[in-house]
Amino acid sequence: MNSPITREHTFLCEEGPETVTATEAVPGLLVYEVPDSVSIGNPNRWSLGTRDGFCIAAFPDKQSALRGAADLAPLADWTAPSDALRSLFLGHGETGLRARRLMCEAVTRHEGRFGTRPA
């Protein structure tokens, strides 16, 4: 079994760019802890997002975020650009609806929340 890859990751938040050490849980999906100085009081400190900065969801702990990443892995090529991923998950029709349902199940199964990443 391969060890997860760690890398520096920069994301934008209200305070400006933040650089953290992220774990590439599966190809294209990063899990990282948001610094305490960002969105003080938010209990969901662990973000799950793509390499190019698109945040999918936030989780209360690292293990939950890693499990969410593992569940999301088969849903898409997460190494694709964010625009392609948005098209898949926000698309109309049965494919888009199914993708959104599966993503929602994968995130909420592990106590993840959409749109609550410290930003």
PDB file of N, CA and C in Angstrom:
ATOM      1  N   MET A   1       0.846  -1.185   0.000  1.00  0.00           N
ATOM      2  CA  MET A   1       0.000   0.000   0.000  1.00  0.00           C
ATOM      3  C   MET A   1       0.890   1.247   0.000  1.00  0.00           C
ATOM      4  N   ASN A   2       0.566   2.197  -0.857  1.00  0.00           N
ATOM      5  CA  ASN A   2       1.351   3.417  -0.964  1.00  0.00           C
ATOM      6  C   ASN A   2       1.035   4.373   0.176  1.00  0.00           C
ATOM      7  N   SER A   3       2.064   5.074   0.636  1.00  0.00           N
ATOM      8  CA  SER A   3       1.865   6.100   1.652  1.00  0.00           C
ATOM      9  C   SER A   3       1.277   7.333   0.994  1.00  0.00           C
ATOM     10  N   PRO A   4       0.410   8.037   1.710  1.00  0.00           N
ATOM     11  CA  PRO A   4      -0.139   9.276   1.147  1.00  0.00           C
ATOM     12  C   PRO A   4       0.977  10.285   0.886  1.00  0.00           C
ATOM     13  N   ILE A   5       0.779  11.079  -0.123  1.00  0.00           N
ATOM     14  CA  ILE A   5       1.730  12.128  -0.483  1.00  0.00           C
ATOM     15  C   ILE A   5       1.381  13.385   0.295  1.00  0.00           C
ATOM     16  N   THR A   6       2.388  14.046   0.864  1.00  0.00           N
ATOM     17  CA  THR A   6       2.150  15.346   1.489  1.00  0.00           C
ATOM     18  C   THR A   6       2.775  16.417   0.613  1.00  0.00           C
ATOM     19  N   ARG A   7       2.144  17.587   0.598  1.00  0.00           N
ATOM     20  CA  ARG A   7       2.603  18.689  -0.249  1.00  0.00           C
ATOM     21  C   ARG A   7       2.134  20.008   0.342  1.00  0.00           C
ATOM     22  N   GLU A   8       2.795  21.066  -0.033  1.00  0.00           N
ATOM     23  CA  GLU A   8       2.344  22.398   0.350  1.00  0.00           C
ATOM     24  C   GLU A   8       1.143  22.762  -0.519  1.00  0.00           C
ATOM     25  N   HIS A   9       0.155  23.381   0.118  1.00  0.00           N
ATOM     26  CA  HIS A   9      -1.067  23.764  -0.598  1.00  0.00           C
ATOM     27  C   HIS A   9      -1.454  25.172  -0.155  1.00  0.00           C
ATOM     28  N   THR A  10      -1.731  26.027  -1.114  1.00  0.00           N
ATOM     29  CA  THR A  10      -2.158  27.393  -0.818  1.00  0.00           C
ATOM     30  C   THR A  10      -3.615  27.558  -1.219  1.00  0.00           C
ATOM     31  N   PHE A  11      -4.402  28.092  -0.293  1.00  0.00           N
ATOM     32  CA  PHE A  11      -5.810  28.367  -0.578  1.00  0.00           C
ATOM     33  C   PHE A  11      -6.092  29.798  -0.174  1.00  0.00           C
ATOM     34  N   LEU A  12      -7.157  30.363  -0.742  1.00  0.00           N
ATOM     35  CA  LEU A  12      -7.535  31.741  -0.440  1.00  0.00           C
ATOM     36  C   LEU A  12      -8.627  31.763   0.609  1.00  0.00           C
ATOM     37  N   CYS A  13      -8.528  32.717   1.519  1.00  0.00           N
ATOM     38  CA  CYS A  13      -9.567  32.932   2.521  1.00  0.00           C
ATOM     39  C   CYS A  13      -9.711  34.440   2.707  1.00  0.00           C
ATOM     40  N   GLU A  14     -10.617  34.854   3.561  1.00  0.00           N
ATOM     41  CA  GLU A  14     -10.864  36.282   3.754  1.00  0.00           C
ATOM     42  C   GLU A  14      -9.606  37.035   4.162  1.00  0.00           C
ATOM     43  N   GLU A  15      -8.755  36.372   4.936  1.00  0.00           N
ATOM     44  CA  GLU A  15      -7.535  37.006   5.428  1.00  0.00           C
ATOM     45  C   GLU A  15      -6.436  37.058   4.380  1.00  0.00           C
ATOM     46  N   GLY A  16      -6.646  36.401   3.233  1.00  0.00           N
ATOM     47  CA  GLY A  16      -5.639  36.333   2.182  1.00  0.00           C
ATOM     48  C   GLY A  16      -5.196  34.900   1.964  1.00  0.00           C
ATOM     49  N   PRO A  17      -4.125  34.706   1.199  1.00  0.00           N
ATOM     50  CA  PRO A  17      -3.683  33.339   0.941  1.00  0.00           C
ATOM     51  C   PRO A  17      -3.085  32.689   2.194  1.00  0.00           C
ATOM     52  N   GLU A  18      -3.375  31.410   2.371  1.00  0.00           N
ATOM     53  CA  GLU A  18      -2.824  30.610   3.464  1.00  0.00           C
ATOM     54  C   GLU A  18      -2.145  29.388   2.855  1.00  0.00           C
ATOM     55  N   THR A  19      -0.960  29.066   3.333  1.00  0.00           N
ATOM     56  CA  THR A  19      -0.251  27.879   2.868  1.00  0.00           C
ATOM     57  C   THR A  19      -0.171  26.885   4.016  1.00  0.00           C
ATOM     58  N   VAL A  20      -0.559  25.651   3.723  1.00  0.00           N
ATOM     59  CA  VAL A  20      -0.602  24.582   4.716  1.00  0.00           C
ATOM     60  C   VAL A  20       0.049  23.337   4.126  1.00  0.00           C
ATOM     61  N   THR A  21       0.325  22.366   4.968  1.00  0.00           N
ATOM     62  CA  THR A  21       0.762  21.064   4.500  1.00  0.00           C
ATOM     63  C   THR A  21      -0.479  20.203   4.331  1.00  0.00           C
ATOM     64  N   ALA A  22      -0.649  19.647   3.141  1.00  0.00           N
ATOM     65  CA  ALA A  22      -1.828  18.850   2.819  1.00  0.00           C
ATOM     66  C   ALA A  22      -1.427  17.412   2.513  1.00  0.00           C
ATOM     67  N   THR A  23      -2.355  16.510   2.750  1.00  0.00           N
ATOM     68  CA  THR A  23      -2.187  15.102   2.392  1.00  0.00           C
ATOM     69  C   THR A  23      -3.015  14.839   1.150  1.00  0.00           C
ATOM     70  N   GLU A  24      -2.376  14.290   0.121  1.00  0.00           N
ATOM     71  CA  GLU A  24      -3.134  13.909  -1.071  1.00  0.00           C
ATOM     72  C   GLU A  24      -3.679  12.512  -0.808  1.00  0.00           C
ATOM     73  N   ALA A  25      -4.906  12.483  -0.306  1.00  0.00           N
ATOM     74  CA  ALA A  25      -5.540  11.249   0.149  1.00  0.00           C
ATOM     75  C   ALA A  25      -5.747  10.266  -0.998  1.00  0.00           C
ATOM     76  N   VAL A  26      -6.201  10.770  -2.107  1.00  0.00           N
ATOM     77  CA  VAL A  26      -6.329  10.021  -3.358  1.00  0.00           C
ATOM     78  C   VAL A  26      -5.885  10.988  -4.455  1.00  0.00           C
ATOM     79  N   PRO A  27      -5.495  10.488  -5.627  1.00  0.00           N
ATOM     80  CA  PRO A  27      -5.020  11.416  -6.655  1.00  0.00           C
ATOM     81  C   PRO A  27      -5.997  12.562  -6.913  1.00  0.00           C
ATOM     82  N   GLY A  28      -5.517  13.771  -6.685  1.00  0.00           N
ATOM     83  CA  GLY A  28      -6.295  14.974  -6.943  1.00  0.00           C
ATOM     84  C   GLY A  28      -7.070  15.528  -5.769  1.00  0.00           C
ATOM     85  N   LEU A  29      -7.243  14.750  -4.685  1.00  0.00           N
ATOM     86  CA  LEU A  29      -7.992  15.222  -3.513  1.00  0.00           C
ATOM     87  C   LEU A  29      -7.058  15.459  -2.338  1.00  0.00           C
ATOM     88  N   LEU A  30      -7.092  16.673  -1.819  1.00  0.00           N
ATOM     89  CA  LEU A  30      -6.231  17.059  -0.706  1.00  0.00           C
ATOM     90  C   LEU A  30      -7.034  17.208   0.579  1.00  0.00           C
ATOM     91  N   VAL A  31      -6.436  16.795   1.676  1.00  0.00           N
ATOM     92  CA  VAL A  31      -6.999  16.976   3.016  1.00  0.00           C
ATOM     93  C   VAL A  31      -6.005  17.827   3.788  1.00  0.00           C
ATOM     94  N   TYR A  32      -6.500  18.907   4.407  1.00  0.00           N
ATOM     95  CA  TYR A  32      -5.606  19.795   5.140  1.00  0.00           C
ATOM     96  C   TYR A  32      -6.345  20.475   6.284  1.00  0.00           C
ATOM     97  N   GLU A  33      -5.571  20.800   7.321  1.00  0.00           N
ATOM     98  CA  GLU A  33      -6.142  21.508   8.467  1.00  0.00           C
ATOM     99  C   GLU A  33      -6.042  23.002   8.222  1.00  0.00           C
ATOM    100  N   VAL A  34      -7.140  23.665   8.458  1.00  0.00           N
ATOM    101  CA  VAL A  34      -7.184  25.118   8.306  1.00  0.00           C
ATOM    102  C   VAL A  34      -6.590  25.750   9.557  1.00  0.00           C
ATOM    103  N   PRO A  35      -5.696  26.736   9.413  1.00  0.00           N
ATOM    104  CA  PRO A  35      -5.086  27.370  10.584  1.00  0.00           C
ATOM    105  C   PRO A  35      -6.117  27.953  11.548  1.00  0.00           C
ATOM    106  N   ASP A  36      -5.783  27.957  12.826  1.00  0.00           N
ATOM    107  CA  ASP A  36      -6.682  28.470  13.860  1.00  0.00           C
ATOM    108  C   ASP A  36      -7.052  29.937  13.650  1.00  0.00           C
ATOM    109  N   SER A  37      -6.183  30.670  12.965  1.00  0.00           N
ATOM    110  CA  SER A  37      -6.445  32.102  12.758  1.00  0.00           C
ATOM    111  C   SER A  37      -7.503  32.366  11.687  1.00  0.00           C
ATOM    112  N   VAL A  38      -7.938  31.329  10.994  1.00  0.00           N
ATOM    113  CA  VAL A  38      -8.924  31.472   9.924  1.00  0.00           C
ATOM    114  C   VAL A  38     -10.281  30.995  10.432  1.00  0.00           C
ATOM    115  N   SER A  39     -11.296  31.823  10.264  1.00  0.00           N
ATOM    116  CA  SER A  39     -12.672  31.485  10.658  1.00  0.00           C
ATOM    117  C   SER A  39     -12.726  30.934  12.081  1.00  0.00           C
ATOM    118  N   ILE A  40     -12.333  31.776  12.993  1.00  0.00           N
ATOM    119  CA  ILE A  40     -12.269  31.399  14.415  1.00  0.00           C
ATOM    120  C   ILE A  40     -13.631  30.900  14.886  1.00  0.00           C
ATOM    121  N   GLY A  41     -13.620  29.791  15.592  1.00  0.00           N
ATOM    122  CA  GLY A  41     -14.841  29.230  16.150  1.00  0.00           C
ATOM    123  C   GLY A  41     -15.516  28.185  15.275  1.00  0.00           C
ATOM    124  N   ASN A  42     -15.080  28.038  14.027  1.00  0.00           N
ATOM    125  CA  ASN A  42     -15.673  27.026  13.160  1.00  0.00           C
ATOM    126  C   ASN A  42     -15.141  25.659  13.588  1.00  0.00           C
ATOM    127  N   PRO A  43     -16.021  24.706  13.957  1.00  0.00           N
ATOM    128  CA  PRO A  43     -15.553  23.403  14.425  1.00  0.00           C
ATOM    129  C   PRO A  43     -15.047  22.496  13.304  1.00  0.00           C
ATOM    130  N   ASN A  44     -15.338  22.819  12.064  1.00  0.00           N
ATOM    131  CA  ASN A  44     -14.909  21.996  10.933  1.00  0.00           C
ATOM    132  C   ASN A  44     -13.569  22.500  10.412  1.00  0.00           C
ATOM    133  N   ARG A  45     -12.486  22.068  11.029  1.00  0.00           N
ATOM    134  CA  ARG A  45     -11.146  22.576  10.751  1.00  0.00           C
ATOM    135  C   ARG A  45     -10.422  21.841   9.626  1.00  0.00           C
ATOM    136  N   TRP A  46     -10.953  20.719   9.167  1.00  0.00           N
ATOM    137  CA  TRP A  46     -10.277  19.913   8.154  1.00  0.00           C
ATOM    138  C   TRP A  46     -11.020  20.027   6.829  1.00  0.00           C
ATOM    139  N   SER A  47     -10.326  20.510   5.816  1.00  0.00           N
ATOM    140  CA  SER A  47     -10.935  20.712   4.502  1.00  0.00           C
ATOM    141  C   SER A  47     -10.538  19.598   3.546  1.00  0.00           C
ATOM    142  N   LEU A  48     -11.442  19.315   2.636  1.00  0.00           N
ATOM    143  CA  LEU A  48     -11.225  18.369   1.554  1.00  0.00           C
ATOM    144  C   LEU A  48     -11.453  19.133   0.265  1.00  0.00           C
ATOM    145  N   GLY A  49     -10.436  19.167  -0.576  1.00  0.00           N
ATOM    146  CA  GLY A  49     -10.560  19.932  -1.809  1.00  0.00           C
ATOM    147  C   GLY A  49      -9.658  19.398  -2.901  1.00  0.00           C
ATOM    148  N   THR A  50      -9.668  20.086  -4.026  1.00  0.00           N
ATOM    149  CA  THR A  50      -8.866  19.683  -5.171  1.00  0.00           C
ATOM    150  C   THR A  50      -7.529  20.411  -5.161  1.00  0.00           C
ATOM    151  N   ARG A  51      -6.618  19.937  -5.990  1.00  0.00           N
ATOM    152  CA  ARG A  51      -5.272  20.526  -6.069  1.00  0.00           C
ATOM    153  C   ARG A  51      -5.298  22.006  -6.422  1.00  0.00           C
ATOM    154  N   ASP A  52      -6.258  22.404  -7.252  1.00  0.00           N
ATOM    155  CA  ASP A  52      -6.274  23.805  -7.688  1.00  0.00           C
ATOM    156  C   ASP A  52      -7.125  24.708  -6.799  1.00  0.00           C
ATOM    157  N   GLY A  53      -7.478  24.225  -5.610  1.00  0.00           N
ATOM    158  CA  GLY A  53      -8.071  25.106  -4.614  1.00  0.00           C
ATOM    159  C   GLY A  53      -9.573  25.034  -4.442  1.00  0.00           C
ATOM    160  N   PHE A  54     -10.268  24.216  -5.201  1.00  0.00           N
ATOM    161  CA  PHE A  54     -11.718  24.090  -5.057  1.00  0.00           C
ATOM    162  C   PHE A  54     -12.012  23.284  -3.796  1.00  0.00           C
ATOM    163  N   CYS A  55     -12.664  23.910  -2.817  1.00  0.00           N
ATOM    164  CA  CYS A  55     -13.001  23.228  -1.572  1.00  0.00           C
ATOM    165  C   CYS A  55     -14.329  22.510  -1.736  1.00  0.00           C
ATOM    166  N   ILE A  56     -14.328  21.224  -1.427  1.00  0.00           N
ATOM    167  CA  ILE A  56     -15.542  20.423  -1.540  1.00  0.00           C
ATOM    168  C   ILE A  56     -16.336  20.473  -0.245  1.00  0.00           C
ATOM    169  N   ALA A  57     -15.666  20.226   0.876  1.00  0.00           N
ATOM    170  CA  ALA A  57     -16.361  20.172   2.163  1.00  0.00           C
ATOM    171  C   ALA A  57     -15.370  20.335   3.300  1.00  0.00           C
ATOM    172  N   ALA A  58     -15.908  20.554   4.499  1.00  0.00           N
ATOM    173  CA  ALA A  58     -15.094  20.665   5.712  1.00  0.00           C
ATOM    174  C   ALA A  58     -15.568  19.618   6.713  1.00  0.00           C
ATOM    175  N   PHE A  59     -14.633  19.115   7.506  1.00  0.00           N
ATOM    176  CA  PHE A  59     -14.908  18.027   8.448  1.00  0.00           C
ATOM    177  C   PHE A  59     -14.371  18.382   9.832  1.00  0.00           C
ATOM    178  N   PRO A  60     -14.902  17.738  10.870  1.00  0.00           N
ATOM    179  CA  PRO A  60     -14.440  18.038  12.230  1.00  0.00           C
ATOM    180  C   PRO A  60     -13.073  17.449  12.563  1.00  0.00           C
ATOM    181  N   ASP A  61     -12.610  16.429  11.812  1.00  0.00           N
ATOM    182  CA  ASP A  61     -11.305  15.836  12.107  1.00  0.00           C
ATOM    183  C   ASP A  61     -10.695  15.241  10.836  1.00  0.00           C
ATOM    184  N   LYS A  62      -9.407  14.970  10.904  1.00  0.00           N
ATOM    185  CA  LYS A  62      -8.663  14.493   9.737  1.00  0.00           C
ATOM    186  C   LYS A  62      -9.174  13.136   9.258  1.00  0.00           C
ATOM    187  N   GLN A  63      -9.421  12.217  10.174  1.00  0.00           N
ATOM    188  CA  GLN A  63      -9.855  10.881   9.760  1.00  0.00           C
ATOM    189  C   GLN A  63     -11.186  10.925   9.012  1.00  0.00           C
ATOM    190  N   SER A  64     -12.099  11.769   9.438  1.00  0.00           N
ATOM    191  CA  SER A  64     -13.375  11.913   8.727  1.00  0.00           C
ATOM    192  C   SER A  64     -13.150  12.449   7.319  1.00  0.00           C
ATOM    193  N   ALA A  65     -12.256  13.425   7.189  1.00  0.00           N
ATOM    194  CA  ALA A  65     -11.951  13.984   5.870  1.00  0.00           C
ATOM    195  C   ALA A  65     -11.293  12.938   4.973  1.00  0.00           C
ATOM    196  N   LEU A  66     -10.394  12.135   5.521  1.00  0.00           N
ATOM    197  CA  LEU A  66      -9.749  11.079   4.738  1.00  0.00           C
ATOM    198  C   LEU A  66     -10.756  10.021   4.289  1.00  0.00           C
ATOM    199  N   ARG A  67     -11.689   9.665   5.163  1.00  0.00           N
ATOM    200  CA  ARG A  67     -12.726   8.704   4.786  1.00  0.00           C
ATOM    201  C   ARG A  67     -13.644   9.301   3.704  1.00  0.00           C
ATOM    202  N   GLY A  68     -13.953  10.579   3.831  1.00  0.00           N
ATOM    203  CA  GLY A  68     -14.749  11.243   2.797  1.00  0.00           C
ATOM    204  C   GLY A  68     -14.035  11.223   1.455  1.00  0.00           C
ATOM    205  N   ALA A  69     -12.731  11.482   1.462  1.00  0.00           N
ATOM    206  CA  ALA A  69     -11.943  11.451   0.223  1.00  0.00           C
ATOM    207  C   ALA A  69     -11.965  10.057  -0.399  1.00  0.00           C
ATOM    208  N   ALA A  70     -11.816   9.031   0.431  1.00  0.00           N
ATOM    209  CA  ALA A  70     -11.829   7.661  -0.079  1.00  0.00           C
ATOM    210  C   ALA A  70     -13.179   7.332  -0.722  1.00  0.00           C
ATOM    211  N   ASP A  71     -14.264   7.811  -0.130  1.00  0.00           N
ATOM    212  CA  ASP A  71     -15.589   7.562  -0.696  1.00  0.00           C
ATOM    213  C   ASP A  71     -15.824   8.344  -1.986  1.00  0.00           C
ATOM    214  N   LEU A  72     -15.222   9.533  -2.085  1.00  0.00           N
ATOM    215  CA  LEU A  72     -15.386  10.347  -3.291  1.00  0.00           C
ATOM    216  C   LEU A  72     -14.500   9.873  -4.444  1.00  0.00           C
ATOM    217  N   ALA A  73     -13.435   9.165  -4.144  1.00  0.00           N
ATOM    218  CA  ALA A  73     -12.440   8.790  -5.155  1.00  0.00           C
ATOM    219  C   ALA A  73     -13.035   8.205  -6.431  1.00  0.00           C
ATOM    220  N   PRO A  74     -13.966   7.247  -6.345  1.00  0.00           N
ATOM    221  CA  PRO A  74     -14.453   6.644  -7.595  1.00  0.00           C
ATOM    222  C   PRO A  74     -15.462   7.491  -8.380  1.00  0.00           C
ATOM    223  N   LEU A  75     -15.862   8.635  -7.849  1.00  0.00           N
ATOM    224  CA  LEU A  75     -16.909   9.428  -8.503  1.00  0.00           C
ATOM    225  C   LEU A  75     -16.410  10.259  -9.677  1.00  0.00           C
ATOM    226  N   ALA A  76     -15.109  10.558  -9.724  1.00  0.00           N
ATOM    227  CA  ALA A  76     -14.603  11.454 -10.766  1.00  0.00           C
ATOM    228  C   ALA A  76     -13.095  11.318 -10.889  1.00  0.00           C
ATOM    229  N   ASP A  77     -12.563  11.887 -11.957  1.00  0.00           N
ATOM    230  CA  ASP A  77     -11.114  12.047 -12.087  1.00  0.00           C
ATOM    231  C   ASP A  77     -10.779  13.351 -11.376  1.00  0.00           C
ATOM    232  N   TRP A  78     -10.367  13.252 -10.118  1.00  0.00           N
ATOM    233  CA  TRP A  78     -10.145  14.431  -9.288  1.00  0.00           C
ATOM    234  C   TRP A  78      -8.900  15.203  -9.670  1.00  0.00           C
ATOM    235  N   THR A  79      -8.115  14.674 -10.613  1.00  0.00           N
ATOM    236  CA  THR A  79      -6.959  15.421 -11.115  1.00  0.00           C
ATOM    237  C   THR A  79      -7.369  16.372 -12.243  1.00  0.00           C
ATOM    238  N   ALA A  80      -8.614  16.274 -12.687  1.00  0.00           N
ATOM    239  CA  ALA A  80      -9.120  17.159 -13.741  1.00  0.00           C
ATOM    240  C   ALA A  80      -9.245  18.590 -13.211  1.00  0.00           C
ATOM    241  N   PRO A  81      -9.221  19.576 -14.099  1.00  0.00           N
ATOM    242  CA  PRO A  81      -9.403  20.965 -13.656  1.00  0.00           C
ATOM    243  C   PRO A  81     -10.763  21.152 -12.969  1.00  0.00           C
ATOM    244  N   SER A  82     -10.827  22.106 -12.060  1.00  0.00           N
ATOM    245  CA  SER A  82     -12.062  22.367 -11.312  1.00  0.00           C
ATOM    246  C   SER A  82     -13.250  22.645 -12.213  1.00  0.00           C
ATOM    247  N   ASP A  83     -13.030  23.321 -13.333  1.00  0.00           N
ATOM    248  CA  ASP A  83     -14.146  23.610 -14.246  1.00  0.00           C
ATOM    249  C   ASP A  83     -14.784  22.326 -14.754  1.00  0.00           C
ATOM    250  N   ALA A  84     -13.979  21.324 -15.066  1.00  0.00           N
ATOM    251  CA  ALA A  84     -14.520  20.044 -15.541  1.00  0.00           C
ATOM    252  C   ALA A  84     -15.283  19.341 -14.423  1.00  0.00           C
ATOM    253  N   LEU A  85     -14.754  19.422 -13.198  1.00  0.00           N
ATOM    254  CA  LEU A  85     -15.436  18.801 -12.067  1.00  0.00           C
ATOM    255  C   LEU A  85     -16.755  19.505 -11.770  1.00  0.00           C
ATOM    256  N   ARG A  86     -16.748  20.825 -11.824  1.00  0.00           N
ATOM    257  CA  ARG A  86     -17.990  21.571 -11.613  1.00  0.00           C
ATOM    258  C   ARG A  86     -19.030  21.200 -12.671  1.00  0.00           C
ATOM    259  N   SER A  87     -18.593  21.049 -13.909  1.00  0.00           N
ATOM    260  CA  SER A  87     -19.522  20.667 -14.976  1.00  0.00           C
ATOM    261  C   SER A  87     -20.160  19.319 -14.688  1.00  0.00           C
ATOM    262  N   LEU A  88     -19.370  18.378 -14.199  1.00  0.00           N
ATOM    263  CA  LEU A  88     -19.898  17.058 -13.878  1.00  0.00           C
ATOM    264  C   LEU A  88     -20.921  17.137 -12.760  1.00  0.00           C
ATOM    265  N   PHE A  89     -20.551  17.809 -11.658  1.00  0.00           N
ATOM    266  CA  PHE A  89     -21.416  17.803 -10.479  1.00  0.00           C
ATOM    267  C   PHE A  89     -22.543  18.828 -10.532  1.00  0.00           C
ATOM    268  N   LEU A  90     -22.401  19.839 -11.360  1.00  0.00           N
ATOM    269  CA  LEU A  90     -23.456  20.840 -11.460  1.00  0.00           C
ATOM    270  C   LEU A  90     -24.262  20.708 -12.740  1.00  0.00           C
ATOM    271  N   GLY A  91     -23.924  19.700 -13.541  1.00  0.00           N
ATOM    272  CA  GLY A  91     -24.617  19.496 -14.812  1.00  0.00           C
ATOM    273  C   GLY A  91     -26.073  19.102 -14.623  1.00  0.00           C
ATOM    274  N   HIS A  92     -26.841  19.372 -15.654  1.00  0.00           N
ATOM    275  CA  HIS A  92     -28.256  19.008 -15.657  1.00  0.00           C
ATOM    276  C   HIS A  92     -28.394  17.564 -16.105  1.00  0.00           C
ATOM    277  N   GLY A  93     -29.514  17.001 -15.868  1.00  0.00           N
ATOM    278  CA  GLY A  93     -29.776  15.650 -16.324  1.00  0.00           C
ATOM    279  C   GLY A  93     -29.426  14.612 -15.272  1.00  0.00           C
ATOM    280  N   GLU A  94     -29.623  13.383 -15.648  1.00  0.00           N
ATOM    281  CA  GLU A  94     -29.469  12.268 -14.717  1.00  0.00           C
ATOM    282  C   GLU A  94     -28.037  12.117 -14.206  1.00  0.00           C
ATOM    283  N   THR A  95     -27.053  12.334 -15.059  1.00  0.00           N
ATOM    284  CA  THR A  95     -25.663  12.175 -14.633  1.00  0.00           C
ATOM    285  C   THR A  95     -25.305  13.177 -13.544  1.00  0.00           C
ATOM    286  N   GLY A  96     -25.669  14.423 -13.734  1.00  0.00           N
ATOM    287  CA  GLY A  96     -25.388  15.449 -12.731  1.00  0.00           C
ATOM    288  C   GLY A  96     -26.115  15.188 -11.426  1.00  0.00           C
ATOM    289  N   LEU A  97     -27.386  14.793 -11.526  1.00  0.00           N
ATOM    290  CA  LEU A  97     -28.161  14.491 -10.316  1.00  0.00           C
ATOM    291  C   LEU A  97     -27.557  13.324  -9.545  1.00  0.00           C
ATOM    292  N   ARG A  98     -27.177  12.279 -10.254  1.00  0.00           N
ATOM    293  CA  ARG A  98     -26.586  11.109  -9.610  1.00  0.00           C
ATOM    294  C   ARG A  98     -25.249  11.477  -8.961  1.00  0.00           C
ATOM    295  N   ALA A  99     -24.425  12.232  -9.664  1.00  0.00           N
ATOM    296  CA  ALA A  99     -23.126  12.635  -9.125  1.00  0.00           C
ATOM    297  C   ALA A  99     -23.299  13.464  -7.855  1.00  0.00           C
ATOM    298  N   ARG A 100     -24.247  14.401  -7.862  1.00  0.00           N
ATOM    299  CA  ARG A 100     -24.483  15.232  -6.670  1.00  0.00           C
ATOM    300  C   ARG A 100     -24.980  14.390  -5.496  1.00  0.00           C
ATOM    301  N   ARG A 101     -25.882  13.449  -5.772  1.00  0.00           N
ATOM    302  CA  ARG A 101     -26.399  12.590  -4.707  1.00  0.00           C
ATOM    303  C   ARG A 101     -25.282  11.752  -4.090  1.00  0.00           C
ATOM    304  N   LEU A 102     -24.448  11.158  -4.940  1.00  0.00           N
ATOM    305  CA  LEU A 102     -23.349  10.336  -4.438  1.00  0.00           C
ATOM    306  C   LEU A 102     -22.337  11.169  -3.656  1.00  0.00           C
ATOM    307  N   MET A 103     -22.058  12.388  -4.138  1.00  0.00           N
ATOM    308  CA  MET A 103     -21.131  13.258  -3.425  1.00  0.00           C
ATOM    309  C   MET A 103     -21.704  13.629  -2.061  1.00  0.00           C
ATOM    310  N   CYS A 104     -22.966  13.989  -2.032  1.00  0.00           N
ATOM    311  CA  CYS A 104     -23.616  14.360  -0.775  1.00  0.00           C
ATOM    312  C   CYS A 104     -23.570  13.203   0.219  1.00  0.00           C
ATOM    313  N   GLU A 105     -23.867  11.997  -0.233  1.00  0.00           N
ATOM    314  CA  GLU A 105     -23.818  10.831   0.648  1.00  0.00           C
ATOM    315  C   GLU A 105     -22.409  10.595   1.181  1.00  0.00           C
ATOM    316  N   ALA A 106     -21.408  10.715   0.317  1.00  0.00           N
ATOM    317  CA  ALA A 106     -20.023  10.473   0.724  1.00  0.00           C
ATOM    318  C   ALA A 106     -19.552  11.484   1.765  1.00  0.00           C
ATOM    319  N   VAL A 107     -19.971  12.723   1.617  1.00  0.00           N
ATOM    320  CA  VAL A 107     -19.537  13.767   2.552  1.00  0.00           C
ATOM    321  C   VAL A 107     -20.293  13.670   3.873  1.00  0.00           C
ATOM    322  N   THR A 108     -21.607  13.590   3.807  1.00  0.00           N
ATOM    323  CA  THR A 108     -22.388  13.603   5.045  1.00  0.00           C
ATOM    324  C   THR A 108     -22.222  12.321   5.855  1.00  0.00           C
ATOM    325  N   ARG A 109     -21.891  11.228   5.220  1.00  0.00           N
ATOM    326  CA  ARG A 109     -21.647   9.964   5.920  1.00  0.00           C
ATOM    327  C   ARG A 109     -20.528  10.122   6.961  1.00  0.00           C
ATOM    328  N   HIS A 110     -19.626  11.062   6.713  1.00  0.00           N
ATOM    329  CA  HIS A 110     -18.471  11.260   7.594  1.00  0.00           C
ATOM    330  C   HIS A 110     -18.514  12.611   8.310  1.00  0.00           C
ATOM    331  N   GLU A 111     -19.714  13.125   8.545  1.00  0.00           N
ATOM    332  CA  GLU A 111     -19.936  14.365   9.275  1.00  0.00           C
ATOM    333  C   GLU A 111     -19.371  15.606   8.583  1.00  0.00           C
ATOM    334  N   GLY A 112     -19.204  15.518   7.270  1.00  0.00           N
ATOM    335  CA  GLY A 112     -18.727  16.670   6.516  1.00  0.00           C
ATOM    336  C   GLY A 112     -19.848  17.647   6.238  1.00  0.00           C
ATOM    337  N   ARG A 113     -19.466  18.876   5.978  1.00  0.00           N
ATOM    338  CA  ARG A 113     -20.429  19.939   5.684  1.00  0.00           C
ATOM    339  C   ARG A 113     -19.972  20.689   4.429  1.00  0.00           C
ATOM    340  N   PHE A 114     -20.924  20.934   3.546  1.00  0.00           N
ATOM    341  CA  PHE A 114     -20.627  21.738   2.354  1.00  0.00           C
ATOM    342  C   PHE A 114     -20.696  23.206   2.719  1.00  0.00           C
ATOM    343  N   GLY A 115     -19.825  23.993   2.099  1.00  0.00           N
ATOM    344  CA  GLY A 115     -19.899  25.427   2.254  1.00  0.00           C
ATOM    345  C   GLY A 115     -19.550  25.944   3.643  1.00  0.00           C
ATOM    346  N   THR A 116     -18.877  25.137   4.449  1.00  0.00           N
ATOM    347  CA  THR A 116     -18.543  25.610   5.787  1.00  0.00           C
ATOM    348  C   THR A 116     -17.038  25.673   6.008  1.00  0.00           C
ATOM    349  N   ARG A 117     -16.275  25.545   4.939  1.00  0.00           N
ATOM    350  CA  ARG A 117     -14.835  25.668   5.098  1.00  0.00           C
ATOM    351  C   ARG A 117     -14.515  27.081   5.545  1.00  0.00           C
ATOM    352  N   PRO A 118     -13.622  27.222   6.470  1.00  0.00           N
ATOM    353  CA  PRO A 118     -13.197  28.567   6.805  1.00  0.00           C
ATOM    354  C   PRO A 118     -12.725  29.278   5.552  1.00  0.00           C
ATOM    355  N   ALA A 119     -13.349  30.370   5.206  1.00  0.00           N
ATOM    356  CA  ALA A 119     -12.986  31.064   3.971  1.00  0.00           C
ATOM    357  C   ALA A 119     -12.910  32.550   4.200  1.00  0.00           C
TER     358      ALA A 119
END
